[in-house]
Protein backbone atom coordinates (compact mmCIF):
# COMPACT_ATOMS: atom_id res chain seq x y z
CA UNK A 1 25.79 -32.71 41.13
CA UNK A 2 22.58 -31.93 39.44
CA UNK A 3 24.46 -29.94 36.33
CA UNK A 4 26.24 -33.51 35.97
CA UNK A 5 23.26 -35.36 35.70
CA UNK A 6 21.55 -33.09 33.31
CA UNK A 7 24.82 -33.11 31.16
CA UNK A 8 24.97 -36.79 30.92
CA UNK A 9 21.26 -36.87 29.89
CA UNK A 10 21.65 -34.62 26.95
CA UNK A 11 24.96 -36.30 25.61
CA UNK A 12 22.81 -39.70 25.99
CA UNK A 13 20.06 -38.14 24.29
CA UNK A 14 22.26 -36.83 21.65
CA UNK A 15 23.90 -40.08 20.81
CA UNK A 16 20.94 -41.59 20.99
CA UNK A 17 19.45 -39.25 18.17
CA UNK A 18 22.44 -39.52 16.17
CA UNK A 19 22.61 -43.50 16.00
CA UNK A 20 18.96 -43.16 15.02
CA UNK A 21 19.58 -40.72 12.23
CA UNK A 22 22.06 -42.63 10.78
CA UNK A 23 20.26 -45.98 10.85
CA UNK A 24 17.36 -44.00 9.23
CA UNK A 25 19.39 -42.27 6.61
CA UNK A 26 21.08 -45.67 5.63
CA UNK A 27 17.43 -47.40 5.11
CA UNK A 28 16.47 -44.54 3.16
CA UNK A 29 19.57 -44.85 0.63
CA UNK A 30 18.72 -48.50 0.49
CA UNK A 31 15.08 -48.08 0.03
CA UNK A 32 15.91 -45.53 -2.77
CA UNK A 33 18.42 -47.81 -4.61
CA UNK A 34 15.57 -50.69 -4.77
CA UNK A 35 12.67 -48.25 -6.40
CA UNK A 36 15.46 -46.95 -8.88
CA UNK A 37 16.54 -50.66 -9.94
CA UNK A 38 12.63 -51.84 -10.30
CA UNK A 39 12.19 -48.63 -12.24
CA UNK A 40 14.93 -49.29 -14.30
CA UNK A 41 13.97 -53.00 -14.80
CA UNK A 42 10.38 -51.66 -16.06
CA UNK A 43 11.83 -49.31 -18.56
CA UNK A 44 14.12 -52.10 -19.85
CA UNK A 45 11.53 -54.43 -20.07
CA UNK A 46 9.17 -51.40 -22.04
CA UNK A 47 12.23 -51.10 -24.21
CA UNK A 48 12.45 -54.82 -25.23
CA UNK A 49 8.74 -54.85 -25.62
CA UNK A 50 8.74 -52.14 -27.94
CA UNK A 51 11.77 -53.32 -29.86
CA UNK A 52 10.13 -56.83 -30.53
CA UNK A 53 6.93 -55.32 -31.58
CA UNK A 54 8.67 -53.40 -34.31
CA UNK A 55 6.12 -51.04 -34.96
CA UNK A 56 6.52 -47.12 -34.53
CA UNK A 57 3.89 -45.50 -32.39
CA UNK A 58 5.60 -42.39 -31.87
CA UNK A 59 4.06 -39.15 -33.46
CA UNK A 60 7.30 -37.27 -33.42
CA UNK A 61 9.55 -38.25 -36.59
CA UNK A 62 12.57 -36.85 -35.01
CA UNK A 63 12.17 -39.35 -32.24
CA UNK A 64 11.75 -43.08 -33.96
CA UNK A 65 12.04 -44.93 -30.10
CA UNK A 66 9.23 -43.59 -28.25
CA UNK A 67 11.09 -45.08 -24.80
CA UNK A 68 14.53 -43.49 -25.56
CA UNK A 69 14.23 -40.22 -24.05
CA UNK A 70 13.25 -41.96 -20.61
CA UNK A 71 16.42 -41.25 -18.32
CA UNK A 72 16.53 -42.52 -14.61
CA UNK A 73 19.35 -41.70 -12.26
CA UNK A 74 22.53 -40.76 -14.02
């Protein structure tokens, strides 16, 4: 009788832990996607501002666009 109670508590805890783990990883992935989208938006705004200014502030002649080497995600 006592073994059955210990087994059911263990199973209950394992199920509870599993559900918490799944919820946490999903929330983490969603937050990462938000951060990544925000960073990409900032990079695009910087590129647009740089293109509008028409000036070349890069010290390297092989890279005329100072922001073209920035890559996020893929």
